[in-house]
Amino acid sequence: LQGRSYDWDYRTEPQAGTAGRVHHWARGRLIGGSSCLHAMGYMRGHPCDFQAWADATDDHRWSWNELLPVFQAIENHPLGGDGIHGKGGPLPIYLPTDEVSPLARAFIEAGASLGLPRLKGHNSGEMIGVTPNSLNIRDGRRVTVADAWLTPAVRSRGNLTILTGSRVRRLILDGNRMRSLEVVGRHGSLLEVFADQVVLCAGALESPALLMRSGIGPHDILQAAGVGCLIDMPEIGRNLQDHLLGAGNLYAARKPVPPSRLQHSESMTYMR
């Protein structure tokens, strides 16, 4: 997937934890974003993380219990209706059972033999244990956030306009309120788009970068980059956290192993 037209294909800074190597960092460059590229796993997150947000903001609405109805509303989960998982939402959650590959099944059994509890997925609030991954799959096909929410009925609405091939260059402020967006169009034309409300959802990398290009962020960093600081917010662009993915564990099977059609990463089965 790396280096394709639908991948931003970012590069990291040299990482001390990997002997100074620079890593590819894939991010989706199409409608649906990285949900079009990732391994289709669905995980809400640990309740302690939500509690940390609630504590940091002194706002209980960020807690696990307060956000639970939001997660339930978007989910269509096979365990929906149990008070924890949602049913009838736009995003299908697939919890594999019989289709779990022999390799994954052996991994799960090994964990259980060591005393780890068996879980019915990782989204019930308890995440310490063994279980197959919950996946955004329907009828054997990946379901992106665009598939789930931008349905044909939604796309046909008269009040929805989707500008593909365009990129927001900066936010234009009027005092401490945003007035409009400066957008570079498909052929390099510069547009100014006005809106009463704006929801910024450009991802973990581009959202802070967009704010900083617009003059919102740490004064010293903006000044060094030649950007006038309109609103000094030292937190913007800091404290980035991401999970690591270790790949390349290769195994020699003692008997034939059938392929899995659930995870593209299991193509590693064929590499020796």
C-alpha atoms as a PDB file:
ATOM      1  CA  LEU A   1       0.000   0.000   0.000  1.00  0.00           C
ATOM      2  CA  GLN A   2       2.894   2.360   0.624  1.00  0.00           C
ATOM      3  CA  GLY A   3       3.548   5.057  -1.934  1.00  0.00           C
ATOM      4  CA  ARG A   4       0.206   4.702  -3.724  1.00  0.00           C
ATOM      5  CA  SER A   5      -1.936   7.659  -4.727  1.00  0.00           C
ATOM      6  CA  TYR A   6      -4.422   6.888  -1.935  1.00  0.00           C
ATOM      7  CA  ASP A   7      -1.754   6.991   0.812  1.00  0.00           C
ATOM      8  CA  TRP A   8      -0.195  10.162   2.240  1.00  0.00           C
ATOM      9  CA  ASP A   9       2.852   7.978   2.962  1.00  0.00           C
ATOM     10  CA  TYR A  10       4.317  10.092   5.755  1.00  0.00           C
ATOM     11  CA  ARG A  11       7.820   9.517   7.115  1.00  0.00           C
ATOM     12  CA  THR A  12       8.682   9.622  10.793  1.00  0.00           C
ATOM     13  CA  GLU A  13      11.644  11.334  12.339  1.00  0.00           C
ATOM     14  CA  PRO A  14      14.515   8.918  13.129  1.00  0.00           C
ATOM     15  CA  GLN A  15      13.316   6.790  16.032  1.00  0.00           C
ATOM     16  CA  ALA A  16      15.676   6.052  18.918  1.00  0.00           C
ATOM     17  CA  GLY A  17      13.749   2.879  19.771  1.00  0.00           C
ATOM     18  CA  THR A  18      14.423   1.370  16.343  1.00  0.00           C
ATOM     19  CA  ALA A  19      18.110   2.231  15.990  1.00  0.00           C
ATOM     20  CA  GLY A  20      17.470   5.593  14.362  1.00  0.00           C
ATOM     21  CA  ARG A  21      15.419   4.258  11.475  1.00  0.00           C
ATOM     22  CA  VAL A  22      12.891   6.379   9.583  1.00  0.00           C
ATOM     23  CA  HIS A  23       9.562   4.583   9.153  1.00  0.00           C
ATOM     24  CA  HIS A  24       6.757   4.769   6.634  1.00  0.00           C
ATOM     25  CA  TRP A  25       3.543   6.019   8.224  1.00  0.00           C
ATOM     26  CA  ALA A  26       0.519   5.218   6.101  1.00  0.00           C
ATOM     27  CA  ARG A  27      -2.539   7.495   6.191  1.00  0.00           C
ATOM     28  CA  GLY A  28      -5.531   7.277   3.885  1.00  0.00           C
ATOM     29  CA  ARG A  29      -5.701   9.897   1.125  1.00  0.00           C
ATOM     30  CA  LEU A  30      -9.249   9.246  -0.043  1.00  0.00           C
ATOM     31  CA  ILE A  31     -12.838   9.514   1.147  1.00  0.00           C
ATOM     32  CA  GLY A  32     -12.986   7.345   4.243  1.00  0.00           C
ATOM     33  CA  GLY A  33      -9.424   8.138   5.285  1.00  0.00           C
ATOM     34  CA  SER A  34      -7.348   5.484   6.984  1.00  0.00           C
ATOM     35  CA  SER A  35     -10.380   3.225   7.438  1.00  0.00           C
ATOM     36  CA  CYS A  36      -9.703   2.361   3.773  1.00  0.00           C
ATOM     37  CA  LEU A  37      -6.157   1.181   4.577  1.00  0.00           C
ATOM     38  CA  HIS A  38      -6.066  -0.261   8.069  1.00  0.00           C
ATOM     39  CA  ALA A  39      -6.420  -3.875   9.212  1.00  0.00           C
ATOM     40  CA  MET A  40     -10.188  -3.442   9.791  1.00  0.00           C
ATOM     41  CA  GLY A  41      -9.894  -3.961  13.542  1.00  0.00           C
ATOM     42  CA  TYR A  42     -12.533  -2.230  15.689  1.00  0.00           C
ATOM     43  CA  MET A  43     -11.595  -1.261  19.237  1.00  0.00           C
ATOM     44  CA  ARG A  44     -13.152   1.487  21.338  1.00  0.00           C
ATOM     45  CA  GLY A  45     -10.218   1.950  23.664  1.00  0.00           C
ATOM     46  CA  HIS A  46      -9.555   1.300  27.331  1.00  0.00           C
ATOM     47  CA  PRO A  47     -11.922   2.840  29.916  1.00  0.00           C
ATOM     48  CA  CYS A  48      -8.904   4.244  31.765  1.00  0.00           C
ATOM     49  CA  ASP A  49      -7.993   6.343  28.730  1.00  0.00           C
ATOM     50  CA  PHE A  50     -11.438   7.928  28.657  1.00  0.00           C
ATOM     51  CA  GLN A  51     -11.247   8.538  32.393  1.00  0.00           C
ATOM     52  CA  ALA A  52      -7.915  10.287  31.880  1.00  0.00           C
ATOM     53  CA  TRP A  53      -9.629  12.627  29.403  1.00  0.00           C
ATOM     54  CA  ALA A  54     -12.433  13.272  31.883  1.00  0.00           C
ATOM     55  CA  ASP A  55      -9.937  14.008  34.652  1.00  0.00           C
ATOM     56  CA  ALA A  56      -7.775  16.252  32.452  1.00  0.00           C
ATOM     57  CA  THR A  57     -10.753  18.331  31.317  1.00  0.00           C
ATOM     58  CA  ASP A  58     -12.688  18.105  34.590  1.00  0.00           C
ATOM     59  CA  ASP A  59     -15.629  17.006  32.435  1.00  0.00           C
ATOM     60  CA  HIS A  60     -17.280  13.657  33.173  1.00  0.00           C
ATOM     61  CA  ARG A  61     -18.820  13.632  29.692  1.00  0.00           C
ATOM     62  CA  TRP A  62     -15.505  12.261  28.379  1.00  0.00           C
ATOM     63  CA  SER A  63     -15.696   9.195  30.636  1.00  0.00           C
ATOM     64  CA  TRP A  64     -16.334   5.657  29.380  1.00  0.00           C
ATOM     65  CA  ASN A  65     -19.834   5.483  30.850  1.00  0.00           C
ATOM     66  CA  GLU A  66     -20.899   8.833  29.397  1.00  0.00           C
ATOM     67  CA  LEU A  67     -19.549   8.004  25.929  1.00  0.00           C
ATOM     68  CA  LEU A  68     -20.959   4.469  25.907  1.00  0.00           C
ATOM     69  CA  PRO A  69     -24.314   5.542  24.348  1.00  0.00           C
ATOM     70  CA  VAL A  70     -22.394   7.230  21.522  1.00  0.00           C
ATOM     71  CA  PHE A  71     -20.520   4.032  20.701  1.00  0.00           C
ATOM     72  CA  GLN A  72     -23.712   2.004  20.952  1.00  0.00           C
ATOM     73  CA  ALA A  73     -25.466   4.353  18.524  1.00  0.00           C
ATOM     74  CA  ILE A  74     -22.899   3.827  15.753  1.00  0.00           C
ATOM     75  CA  GLU A  75     -22.540   0.036  16.134  1.00  0.00           C
ATOM     76  CA  ASN A  76     -24.317  -2.889  14.588  1.00  0.00           C
ATOM     77  CA  HIS A  77     -22.782  -5.621  16.737  1.00  0.00           C
ATOM     78  CA  PRO A  78     -23.743  -9.308  16.970  1.00  0.00           C
ATOM     79  CA  LEU A  79     -23.874  -8.877  20.765  1.00  0.00           C
ATOM     80  CA  GLY A  80     -25.962  -5.712  20.449  1.00  0.00           C
ATOM     81  CA  GLY A  81     -28.724  -5.259  22.989  1.00  0.00           C
ATOM     82  CA  ASP A  82     -26.697  -6.606  25.910  1.00  0.00           C
ATOM     83  CA  GLY A  83     -26.308  -3.165  27.492  1.00  0.00           C
ATOM     84  CA  ILE A  84     -22.708  -2.802  26.300  1.00  0.00           C
ATOM     85  CA  HIS A  85     -22.771  -3.218  22.530  1.00  0.00           C
ATOM     86  CA  GLY A  86     -24.974  -1.420  20.018  1.00  0.00           C
ATOM     87  CA  LYS A  87     -27.370  -2.815  17.452  1.00  0.00           C
ATOM     88  CA  GLY A  88     -28.802  -1.272  14.293  1.00  0.00           C
ATOM     89  CA  GLY A  89     -26.138   1.417  13.879  1.00  0.00           C
ATOM     90  CA  PRO A  90     -24.451   2.227  10.575  1.00  0.00           C
ATOM     91  CA  LEU A  91     -21.092   0.569  11.338  1.00  0.00           C
ATOM     92  CA  PRO A  92     -21.090  -3.255  11.182  1.00  0.00           C
ATOM     93  CA  ILE A  93     -18.938  -5.060  13.737  1.00  0.00           C
ATOM     94  CA  TYR A  94     -17.987  -8.623  12.870  1.00  0.00           C
ATOM     95  CA  LEU A  95     -16.844 -10.954  15.647  1.00  0.00           C
ATOM     96  CA  PRO A  96     -15.335 -14.006  13.927  1.00  0.00           C
ATOM     97  CA  THR A  97     -15.843 -17.449  15.397  1.00  0.00           C
ATOM     98  CA  ASP A  98     -15.577 -20.355  12.975  1.00  0.00           C
ATOM     99  CA  GLU A  99     -13.496 -18.313  10.520  1.00  0.00           C
ATOM    100  CA  VAL A 100     -10.647 -17.661  12.954  1.00  0.00           C
ATOM    101  CA  SER A 101      -7.507 -19.032  11.327  1.00  0.00           C
ATOM    102  CA  PRO A 102      -5.681 -21.999  12.900  1.00  0.00           C
ATOM    103  CA  LEU A 103      -2.720 -19.732  13.669  1.00  0.00           C
ATOM    104  CA  ALA A 104      -4.867 -17.204  15.528  1.00  0.00           C
ATOM    105  CA  ARG A 105      -6.787 -19.982  17.269  1.00  0.00           C
ATOM    106  CA  ALA A 106      -3.524 -21.551  18.485  1.00  0.00           C
ATOM    107  CA  PHE A 107      -2.379 -18.140  19.734  1.00  0.00           C
ATOM    108  CA  ILE A 108      -5.631 -17.698  21.669  1.00  0.00           C
ATOM    109  CA  GLU A 109      -5.411 -21.171  23.181  1.00  0.00           C
ATOM    110  CA  ALA A 110      -1.825 -20.526  24.253  1.00  0.00           C
ATOM    111  CA  GLY A 111      -2.906 -17.367  26.071  1.00  0.00           C
ATOM    112  CA  ALA A 112      -5.796 -19.156  27.764  1.00  0.00           C
ATOM    113  CA  SER A 113      -3.465 -21.944  28.890  1.00  0.00           C
ATOM    114  CA  LEU A 114      -1.402 -19.308  30.704  1.00  0.00           C
ATOM    115  CA  GLY A 115      -4.458 -18.159  32.634  1.00  0.00           C
ATOM    116  CA  LEU A 116      -5.584 -15.197  30.536  1.00  0.00           C
ATOM    117  CA  PRO A 117      -9.391 -14.893  30.553  1.00  0.00           C
ATOM    118  CA  ARG A 118     -11.377 -15.520  27.377  1.00  0.00           C
ATOM    119  CA  LEU A 119     -13.239 -12.403  26.265  1.00  0.00           C
ATOM    120  CA  LYS A 120     -16.150 -11.845  23.901  1.00  0.00           C
ATOM    121  CA  GLY A 121     -14.302  -9.137  22.013  1.00  0.00           C
ATOM    122  CA  HIS A 122     -12.228  -6.203  23.238  1.00  0.00           C
ATOM    123  CA  ASN A 123     -15.046  -3.656  23.509  1.00  0.00           C
ATOM    124  CA  SER A 124     -16.860  -4.588  26.705  1.00  0.00           C
ATOM    125  CA  GLY A 125     -14.660  -2.494  28.981  1.00  0.00           C
ATOM    126  CA  GLU A 126     -12.297  -5.326  29.894  1.00  0.00           C
ATOM    127  CA  MET A 127      -9.302  -5.600  27.570  1.00  0.00           C
ATOM    128  CA  ILE A 128      -6.969  -7.961  29.411  1.00  0.00           C
ATOM    129  CA  GLY A 129      -7.577 -11.368  27.895  1.00  0.00           C
ATOM    130  CA  VAL A 130      -7.686 -13.344  24.653  1.00  0.00           C
ATOM    131  CA  THR A 131     -10.258 -13.027  21.888  1.00  0.00           C
ATOM    132  CA  PRO A 132     -10.411 -12.746  18.115  1.00  0.00           C
ATOM    133  CA  ASN A 133     -10.287  -9.193  16.807  1.00  0.00           C
ATOM    134  CA  SER A 134     -13.570  -7.403  16.214  1.00  0.00           C
ATOM    135  CA  LEU A 135     -13.593  -6.318  12.568  1.00  0.00           C
ATOM    136  CA  ASN A 136     -15.403  -3.841  10.313  1.00  0.00           C
ATOM    137  CA  ILE A 137     -16.458  -6.457   7.760  1.00  0.00           C
ATOM    138  CA  ARG A 138     -19.815  -7.135   6.139  1.00  0.00           C
ATOM    139  CA  ASP A 139     -20.441 -10.021   3.745  1.00  0.00           C
ATOM    140  CA  GLY A 140     -16.722 -10.670   3.519  1.00  0.00           C
ATOM    141  CA  ARG A 141     -15.842  -7.093   2.505  1.00  0.00           C
ATOM    142  CA  ARG A 142     -14.180  -4.181   4.288  1.00  0.00           C
ATOM    143  CA  VAL A 143     -16.582  -1.480   5.504  1.00  0.00           C
ATOM    144  CA  THR A 144     -15.034   1.986   5.693  1.00  0.00           C
ATOM    145  CA  VAL A 145     -16.521   4.960   7.509  1.00  0.00           C
ATOM    146  CA  ALA A 146     -17.479   6.288   4.070  1.00  0.00           C
ATOM    147  CA  ASP A 147     -19.348   3.057   3.312  1.00  0.00           C
ATOM    148  CA  ALA A 148     -21.116   3.277   6.672  1.00  0.00           C
ATOM    149  CA  TRP A 149     -22.127   6.948   6.664  1.00  0.00           C
ATOM    150  CA  LEU A 150     -21.870   8.266   3.102  1.00  0.00           C
ATOM    151  CA  THR A 151     -24.570   5.999   1.738  1.00  0.00           C
ATOM    152  CA  PRO A 152     -26.165   6.707  -1.672  1.00  0.00           C
ATOM    153  CA  ALA A 153     -29.094   8.371   0.120  1.00  0.00           C
ATOM    154  CA  VAL A 154     -26.759  10.671   2.041  1.00  0.00           C
ATOM    155  CA  ARG A 155     -24.680  11.501  -1.044  1.00  0.00           C
ATOM    156  CA  SER A 156     -27.833  12.537  -2.901  1.00  0.00           C
ATOM    157  CA  ARG A 157     -28.776  15.200  -0.353  1.00  0.00           C
ATOM    158  CA  GLY A 158     -29.034  18.698  -1.755  1.00  0.00           C
ATOM    159  CA  ASN A 159     -27.237  20.191   1.246  1.00  0.00           C
ATOM    160  CA  LEU A 160     -24.117  18.014   0.880  1.00  0.00           C
ATOM    161  CA  THR A 161     -21.193  18.930  -1.373  1.00  0.00           C
ATOM    162  CA  ILE A 162     -18.038  16.785  -1.399  1.00  0.00           C
ATOM    163  CA  LEU A 163     -14.903  18.424  -2.815  1.00  0.00           C
ATOM    164  CA  THR A 164     -12.488  15.686  -3.845  1.00  0.00           C
ATOM    165  CA  GLY A 165      -8.955  16.463  -4.944  1.00  0.00           C
ATOM    166  CA  SER A 166      -8.965  19.536  -2.691  1.00  0.00           C
ATOM    167  CA  ARG A 167      -6.968  20.369   0.408  1.00  0.00           C
ATOM    168  CA  VAL A 168      -7.609  22.885   3.170  1.00  0.00           C
ATOM    169  CA  ARG A 169      -4.537  25.089   3.418  1.00  0.00           C
ATOM    170  CA  ARG A 170      -5.535  27.126   6.450  1.00  0.00           C
ATOM    171  CA  LEU A 171      -8.381  28.431   8.571  1.00  0.00           C
ATOM    172  CA  ILE A 172      -9.114  32.145   8.265  1.00  0.00           C
ATOM    173  CA  LEU A 173      -9.930  33.731  11.619  1.00  0.00           C
ATOM    174  CA  ASP A 174     -11.911  36.796  12.565  1.00  0.00           C
ATOM    175  CA  GLY A 175     -10.696  37.489  16.080  1.00  0.00           C
ATOM    176  CA  ASN A 176     -10.901  34.193  17.920  1.00  0.00           C
ATOM    177  CA  ARG A 177     -13.621  32.776  15.664  1.00  0.00           C
ATOM    178  CA  MET A 178     -13.136  31.011  12.385  1.00  0.00           C
ATOM    179  CA  ARG A 179     -14.594  32.888   9.432  1.00  0.00           C
ATOM    180  CA  SER A 180     -13.758  30.664   6.473  1.00  0.00           C
ATOM    181  CA  LEU A 181     -11.448  28.046   4.968  1.00  0.00           C
ATOM    182  CA  GLU A 182      -8.744  28.602   2.401  1.00  0.00           C
ATOM    183  CA  VAL A 183      -8.897  25.609   0.068  1.00  0.00           C
ATOM    184  CA  VAL A 184      -6.588  24.582  -2.770  1.00  0.00           C
ATOM    185  CA  GLY A 185      -8.759  23.030  -5.470  1.00  0.00           C
ATOM    186  CA  ARG A 186      -8.090  20.101  -7.775  1.00  0.00           C
ATOM    187  CA  HIS A 187      -6.284  22.202 -10.403  1.00  0.00           C
ATOM    188  CA  GLY A 188      -4.486  24.514  -7.990  1.00  0.00           C
ATOM    189  CA  SER A 189      -7.202  27.148  -7.816  1.00  0.00           C
ATOM    190  CA  LEU A 190      -7.588  28.924  -4.482  1.00  0.00           C
ATOM    191  CA  LEU A 191     -11.056  28.934  -2.941  1.00  0.00           C
ATOM    192  CA  GLU A 192     -12.448  30.585   0.175  1.00  0.00           C
ATOM    193  CA  VAL A 193     -15.252  28.545   1.689  1.00  0.00           C
ATOM    194  CA  PHE A 194     -17.548  30.109   4.291  1.00  0.00           C
ATOM    195  CA  ALA A 195     -19.500  28.150   6.888  1.00  0.00           C
ATOM    196  CA  ASP A 196     -21.453  28.798  10.064  1.00  0.00           C
ATOM    197  CA  GLN A 197     -19.885  25.779  11.755  1.00  0.00           C
ATOM    198  CA  VAL A 198     -16.752  23.758  11.045  1.00  0.00           C
ATOM    199  CA  VAL A 199     -15.810  20.340  12.392  1.00  0.00           C
ATOM    200  CA  LEU A 200     -12.070  19.776  12.107  1.00  0.00           C
ATOM    201  CA  CYS A 201     -11.385  16.086  11.489  1.00  0.00           C
ATOM    202  CA  ALA A 202      -8.209  15.876   9.413  1.00  0.00           C
ATOM    203  CA  GLY A 203      -6.637  13.151  11.542  1.00  0.00           C
ATOM    204  CA  ALA A 204      -4.023  13.014  14.279  1.00  0.00           C
ATOM    205  CA  LEU A 205      -1.312  14.510  12.062  1.00  0.00           C
ATOM    206  CA  GLU A 206      -3.079  16.963   9.777  1.00  0.00           C
ATOM    207  CA  SER A 207      -5.513  18.455  12.318  1.00  0.00           C
ATOM    208  CA  PRO A 208      -2.772  20.037  14.460  1.00  0.00           C
ATOM    209  CA  ALA A 209      -0.743  20.876  11.340  1.00  0.00           C
ATOM    210  CA  LEU A 210      -3.743  22.731   9.896  1.00  0.00           C
ATOM    211  CA  LEU A 211      -4.255  24.643  13.129  1.00  0.00           C
ATOM    212  CA  MET A 212      -0.587  25.605  13.223  1.00  0.00           C
ATOM    213  CA  ARG A 213      -0.582  26.739   9.574  1.00  0.00           C
ATOM    214  CA  SER A 214      -3.525  28.926  10.561  1.00  0.00           C
ATOM    215  CA  GLY A 215      -1.623  30.614  13.388  1.00  0.00           C
ATOM    216  CA  ILE A 216      -3.002  28.512  16.241  1.00  0.00           C
ATOM    217  CA  GLY A 217      -0.327  26.728  18.246  1.00  0.00           C
ATOM    218  CA  PRO A 218       2.935  27.194  20.180  1.00  0.00           C
ATOM    219  CA  HIS A 219       4.233  30.724  19.621  1.00  0.00           C
ATOM    220  CA  ASP A 220       7.912  29.711  19.436  1.00  0.00           C
ATOM    221  CA  ILE A 221       7.361  26.970  16.854  1.00  0.00           C
ATOM    222  CA  LEU A 222       5.118  29.122  14.682  1.00  0.00           C
ATOM    223  CA  GLN A 223       7.588  32.002  14.843  1.00  0.00           C
ATOM    224  CA  ALA A 224      10.448  29.709  13.788  1.00  0.00           C
ATOM    225  CA  ALA A 225       8.356  28.516  10.830  1.00  0.00           C
ATOM    226  CA  GLY A 226       7.513  32.059   9.762  1.00  0.00           C
ATOM    227  CA  VAL A 227       3.831  31.772  10.688  1.00  0.00           C
ATOM    228  CA  GLY A 228       2.214  34.608  12.590  1.00  0.00           C
ATOM    229  CA  CYS A 229       0.817  33.413  15.917  1.00  0.00           C
ATOM    230  CA  LEU A 230      -2.814  34.473  16.281  1.00  0.00           C
ATOM    231  CA  ILE A 231      -3.665  32.241  19.242  1.00  0.00           C
ATOM    232  CA  ASP A 232      -0.860  30.910  21.452  1.00  0.00           C
ATOM    233  CA  MET A 233      -1.727  27.319  22.384  1.00  0.00           C
ATOM    234  CA  PRO A 234       1.398  25.403  23.496  1.00  0.00           C
ATOM    235  CA  GLU A 235      -0.464  22.065  23.525  1.00  0.00           C
ATOM    236  CA  ILE A 236      -1.081  21.999  19.769  1.00  0.00           C
ATOM    237  CA  GLY A 237       1.263  19.652  17.915  1.00  0.00           C
ATOM    238  CA  ARG A 238       2.621  17.959  21.041  1.00  0.00           C
ATOM    239  CA  ASN A 239       2.109  14.660  22.877  1.00  0.00           C
ATOM    240  CA  LEU A 240       1.537  12.564  19.758  1.00  0.00           C
ATOM    241  CA  GLN A 241       1.046   8.912  20.681  1.00  0.00           C
ATOM    242  CA  ASP A 242       0.601   5.930  18.410  1.00  0.00           C
ATOM    243  CA  HIS A 243       0.672   2.189  18.828  1.00  0.00           C
ATOM    244  CA  LEU A 244       3.449   0.115  17.328  1.00  0.00           C
ATOM    245  CA  LEU A 245       2.810  -2.791  14.999  1.00  0.00           C
ATOM    246  CA  GLY A 246       5.390  -5.532  15.057  1.00  0.00           C
ATOM    247  CA  ALA A 247       5.356  -7.664  11.925  1.00  0.00           C
ATOM    248  CA  GLY A 248       7.594 -10.343  10.558  1.00  0.00           C
ATOM    249  CA  ASN A 249       7.054 -13.200  13.014  1.00  0.00           C
ATOM    250  CA  LEU A 250       7.361 -16.215  10.730  1.00  0.00           C
ATOM    251  CA  TYR A 251       6.428 -19.766  11.671  1.00  0.00           C
ATOM    252  CA  ALA A 252       7.094 -23.146  10.097  1.00  0.00           C
ATOM    253  CA  ALA A 253       3.879 -25.203  10.254  1.00  0.00           C
ATOM    254  CA  ARG A 254       3.997 -28.943  10.797  1.00  0.00           C
ATOM    255  CA  LYS A 255       0.932 -29.410   8.598  1.00  0.00           C
ATOM    256  CA  PRO A 256      -0.872 -27.414   5.882  1.00  0.00           C
ATOM    257  CA  VAL A 257      -2.541 -24.239   7.156  1.00  0.00           C
ATOM    258  CA  PRO A 258      -5.516 -22.856   5.209  1.00  0.00           C
ATOM    259  CA  PRO A 259      -5.437 -19.131   4.433  1.00  0.00           C
ATOM    260  CA  SER A 260      -7.542 -16.607   6.309  1.00  0.00           C
ATOM    261  CA  ARG A 261      -9.713 -14.126   4.425  1.00  0.00           C
ATOM    262  CA  LEU A 262     -10.255 -11.875   7.437  1.00  0.00           C
ATOM    263  CA  GLN A 263      -6.942 -10.039   7.744  1.00  0.00           C
ATOM    264  CA  HIS A 264      -4.635  -8.968   4.953  1.00  0.00           C
ATOM    265  CA  SER A 265      -1.781  -9.122   7.466  1.00  0.00           C
ATOM    266  CA  GLU A 266      -2.114 -12.897   7.519  1.00  0.00           C
ATOM    267  CA  SER A 267      -0.603 -12.962   4.044  1.00  0.00           C
ATOM    268  CA  MET A 268       2.611 -13.043   6.100  1.00  0.00           C
ATOM    269  CA  THR A 269       1.801 -16.745   6.485  1.00  0.00           C
ATOM    270  CA  TYR A 270       3.274 -17.291   3.030  1.00  0.00           C
ATOM    271  CA  MET A 271       6.556 -15.477   3.675  1.00  0.00           C
ATOM    272  CA  ARG A 272       9.545 -17.490   4.779  1.00  0.00           C
END
